[in-house]
C-alpha atoms as a PDB file:
ATOM      1  CA  UNK A   1      -9.556  49.658  41.557  1.00  0.00           C
ATOM      2  CA  UNK A   2     -12.195  47.319  42.696  1.00  0.00           C
ATOM      3  CA  UNK A   3     -13.585  47.213  39.069  1.00  0.00           C
ATOM      4  CA  UNK A   4     -10.208  46.130  37.741  1.00  0.00           C
ATOM      5  CA  UNK A   5      -9.924  43.251  40.278  1.00  0.00           C
ATOM      6  CA  UNK A   6     -13.462  42.235  39.222  1.00  0.00           C
ATOM      7  CA  UNK A   7     -12.525  42.355  35.543  1.00  0.00           C
ATOM      8  CA  UNK A   8      -9.356  40.328  36.194  1.00  0.00           C
ATOM      9  CA  UNK A   9     -11.167  37.687  38.114  1.00  0.00           C
ATOM     10  CA  UNK A  10     -13.753  37.395  35.456  1.00  0.00           C
ATOM     11  CA  UNK A  11     -11.081  37.089  32.719  1.00  0.00           C
ATOM     12  CA  UNK A  12      -9.354  34.346  34.691  1.00  0.00           C
ATOM     13  CA  UNK A  13     -12.764  32.443  35.150  1.00  0.00           C
ATOM     14  CA  UNK A  14     -13.422  32.778  31.491  1.00  0.00           C
ATOM     15  CA  UNK A  15      -9.972  31.391  30.654  1.00  0.00           C
ATOM     16  CA  UNK A  16     -10.454  28.509  33.030  1.00  0.00           C
ATOM     17  CA  UNK A  17     -13.864  27.875  31.436  1.00  0.00           C
ATOM     18  CA  UNK A  18     -12.360  28.046  27.931  1.00  0.00           C
ATOM     19  CA  UNK A  19      -9.615  25.622  28.947  1.00  0.00           C
ATOM     20  CA  UNK A  20     -11.994  23.172  30.532  1.00  0.00           C
ATOM     21  CA  UNK A  21     -14.348  23.342  27.391  1.00  0.00           C
ATOM     22  CA  UNK A  22     -11.445  22.907  24.991  1.00  0.00           C
ATOM     23  CA  UNK A  23     -10.244  19.831  27.033  1.00  0.00           C
ATOM     24  CA  UNK A  24     -13.770  18.356  26.803  1.00  0.00           C
ATOM     25  CA  UNK A  25     -13.872  18.998  23.025  1.00  0.00           C
ATOM     26  CA  UNK A  26     -10.710  17.156  22.541  1.00  0.00           C
ATOM     27  CA  UNK A  27     -11.783  14.319  24.688  1.00  0.00           C
ATOM     28  CA  UNK A  28     -15.043  14.108  22.688  1.00  0.00           C
ATOM     29  CA  UNK A  29     -13.153  14.198  19.441  1.00  0.00           C
ATOM     30  CA  UNK A  30     -10.836  11.551  20.501  1.00  0.00           C
ATOM     31  CA  UNK A  31     -13.669   9.427  21.610  1.00  0.00           C
ATOM     32  CA  UNK A  32     -15.449   9.901  18.282  1.00  0.00           C
ATOM     33  CA  UNK A  33     -12.283   8.983  16.380  1.00  0.00           C
ATOM     34  CA  UNK A  34     -11.704   5.916  18.557  1.00  0.00           C
ATOM     35  CA  UNK A  35     -15.157   4.617  18.206  1.00  0.00           C
ATOM     36  CA  UNK A  36     -15.154   5.194  14.432  1.00  0.00           C
ATOM     37  CA  UNK A  37     -11.851   3.237  14.208  1.00  0.00           C
ATOM     38  CA  UNK A  38     -13.144   0.507  16.461  1.00  0.00           C
ATOM     39  CA  UNK A  39     -16.289   0.137  14.364  1.00  0.00           C
ATOM     40  CA  UNK A  40     -14.235  -0.017  11.247  1.00  0.00           C
ATOM     41  CA  UNK A  41     -12.084  -2.727  12.752  1.00  0.00           C
ATOM     42  CA  UNK A  42     -15.095  -4.735  13.748  1.00  0.00           C
ATOM     43  CA  UNK A  43     -16.491  -4.480  10.254  1.00  0.00           C
ATOM     44  CA  UNK A  44     -13.089  -5.537   8.856  1.00  0.00           C
ATOM     45  CA  UNK A  45     -12.893  -8.519  11.151  1.00  0.00           C
ATOM     46  CA  UNK A  46     -16.333  -9.755  10.198  1.00  0.00           C
ATOM     47  CA  UNK A  47     -15.758  -9.309   6.528  1.00  0.00           C
ATOM     48  CA  UNK A  48     -12.389 -10.837   7.051  1.00  0.00           C
ATOM     49  CA  UNK A  49     -13.859 -13.923   8.857  1.00  0.00           C
ATOM     50  CA  UNK A  50     -16.168 -14.674   6.023  1.00  0.00           C
ATOM     51  CA  UNK A  51     -13.567 -13.976   3.302  1.00  0.00           C
ATOM     52  CA  UNK A  52     -11.312 -16.454   5.149  1.00  0.00           C
ATOM     53  CA  UNK A  53     -13.967 -19.069   5.211  1.00  0.00           C
ATOM     54  CA  UNK A  54     -14.546 -18.661   1.511  1.00  0.00           C
ATOM     55  CA  UNK A  55     -10.840 -18.971   0.924  1.00  0.00           C
ATOM     56  CA  UNK A  56     -10.630 -22.130   2.969  1.00  0.00           C
ATOM     57  CA  UNK A  57     -13.526 -23.868   1.292  1.00  0.00           C
ATOM     58  CA  UNK A  58     -12.349 -22.601  -2.347  1.00  0.00           C
ATOM     59  CA  UNK A  59      -8.763 -23.976  -1.409  1.00  0.00           C
ATOM     60  CA  UNK A  60     -10.279 -27.292  -0.544  1.00  0.00           C
ATOM     61  CA  UNK A  61     -12.316 -27.360  -3.764  1.00  0.00           C
ATOM     62  CA  UNK A  62      -9.177 -26.590  -5.827  1.00  0.00           C
ATOM     63  CA  UNK A  63      -7.160 -29.116  -3.902  1.00  0.00           C
ATOM     64  CA  UNK A  64      -9.738 -31.800  -4.509  1.00  0.00           C
ATOM     65  CA  UNK A  65     -10.210 -30.844  -8.182  1.00  0.00           C
ATOM     66  CA  UNK A  66      -6.390 -31.048  -8.794  1.00  0.00           C
ATOM     67  CA  UNK A  67      -6.339 -34.398  -6.982  1.00  0.00           C
ATOM     68  CA  UNK A  68      -8.968 -35.744  -9.373  1.00  0.00           C
ATOM     69  CA  UNK A  69      -7.336 -34.306 -12.483  1.00  0.00           C
ATOM     70  CA  UNK A  70      -3.833 -35.722 -11.514  1.00  0.00           C
ATOM     71  CA  UNK A  71      -5.033 -39.074 -10.214  1.00  0.00           C
ATOM     72  CA  UNK A  72      -3.467 -38.445  -6.914  1.00  0.00           C
ATOM     73  CA  UNK A  73      -4.881 -38.281  -3.449  1.00  0.00           C
ATOM     74  CA  UNK A  74      -2.382 -35.816  -2.158  1.00  0.00           C
ATOM     75  CA  UNK A  75      -0.741 -33.778  -4.972  1.00  0.00           C
ATOM     76  CA  UNK A  76      -3.531 -31.188  -5.260  1.00  0.00           C
ATOM     77  CA  UNK A  77      -3.208 -30.348  -1.548  1.00  0.00           C
ATOM     78  CA  UNK A  78       0.511 -30.045  -2.128  1.00  0.00           C
ATOM     79  CA  UNK A  79      -0.057 -27.647  -4.987  1.00  0.00           C
ATOM     80  CA  UNK A  80      -2.290 -25.434  -3.059  1.00  0.00           C
ATOM     81  CA  UNK A  81      -0.101 -25.441   0.073  1.00  0.00           C
ATOM     82  CA  UNK A  82       2.809 -24.369  -2.224  1.00  0.00           C
ATOM     83  CA  UNK A  83       0.762 -21.521  -3.504  1.00  0.00           C
ATOM     84  CA  UNK A  84       0.094 -20.418  -0.071  1.00  0.00           C
ATOM     85  CA  UNK A  85       3.740 -20.766   0.891  1.00  0.00           C
ATOM     86  CA  UNK A  86       4.636 -18.447  -1.936  1.00  0.00           C
ATOM     87  CA  UNK A  87       1.925 -15.850  -0.887  1.00  0.00           C
ATOM     88  CA  UNK A  88       3.424 -16.037   2.591  1.00  0.00           C
ATOM     89  CA  UNK A  89       6.867 -15.445   1.624  1.00  0.00           C
ATOM     90  CA  UNK A  90       5.897 -12.561  -0.526  1.00  0.00           C
ATOM     91  CA  UNK A  91       3.957 -10.967   2.309  1.00  0.00           C
ATOM     92  CA  UNK A  92       6.882 -11.842   4.680  1.00  0.00           C
ATOM     93  CA  UNK A  93       9.314 -10.061   2.496  1.00  0.00           C
ATOM     94  CA  UNK A  94       7.090  -7.027   2.087  1.00  0.00           C
ATOM     95  CA  UNK A  95       6.130  -6.629   5.826  1.00  0.00           C
ATOM     96  CA  UNK A  96       8.493  -3.750   6.442  1.00  0.00           C
ATOM     97  CA  UNK A  97       8.037  -2.172   3.121  1.00  0.00           C
ATOM     98  CA  UNK A  98       4.756  -1.706   1.057  1.00  0.00           C
ATOM     99  CA  UNK A  99       2.556  -3.752   3.500  1.00  0.00           C
ATOM    100  CA  UNK A 100       3.615  -1.599   6.538  1.00  0.00           C
ATOM    101  CA  UNK A 101       3.091   1.502   4.512  1.00  0.00           C
ATOM    102  CA  UNK A 102      -0.323   0.555   3.339  1.00  0.00           C
ATOM    103  CA  UNK A 103      -1.612  -0.106   6.856  1.00  0.00           C
ATOM    104  CA  UNK A 104       0.037   2.958   8.174  1.00  0.00           C
ATOM    105  CA  UNK A 105      -1.411   5.144   5.412  1.00  0.00           C
ATOM    106  CA  UNK A 106      -4.915   3.741   6.130  1.00  0.00           C
ATOM    107  CA  UNK A 107      -4.700   4.332   9.883  1.00  0.00           C
ATOM    108  CA  UNK A 108      -3.449   7.884   9.371  1.00  0.00           C
ATOM    109  CA  UNK A 109      -6.128   8.688   6.855  1.00  0.00           C
ATOM    110  CA  UNK A 110      -8.755   7.265   9.246  1.00  0.00           C
ATOM    111  CA  UNK A 111      -7.524   9.398  12.030  1.00  0.00           C
ATOM    112  CA  UNK A 112      -7.537  12.701  10.127  1.00  0.00           C
ATOM    113  CA  UNK A 113     -10.585  12.117   7.922  1.00  0.00           C
ATOM    114  CA  UNK A 114     -12.893  15.101   8.281  1.00  0.00           C
ATOM    115  CA  UNK A 115     -16.588  14.460   8.452  1.00  0.00           C
ATOM    116  CA  UNK A 116     -18.750  16.857   6.455  1.00  0.00           C
END
């Protein structure tokens, strides 16, 4: 009888240890995924910043070039602003459709990506 109690106590202790180790494993996996996603976001922010600056300077160049070609000090800026307005409207209309799906798919893929 004493041996049965000892075996039961050992089994309970093993189960507790297993549960603690499993919880620790899940915490570490969540931390790893979170840090990977955070690092990816930082990389995208840095790349996006430089791409945004390039777009701003390219837009200024195109606007000034159009001003020169049209002999107008303002019409080139109006054309560039109109193009951005069209892009904005297309993104606004797609925000709940293809744009949302694209970002949702990327986030899900990054969460469940297996490292080899």
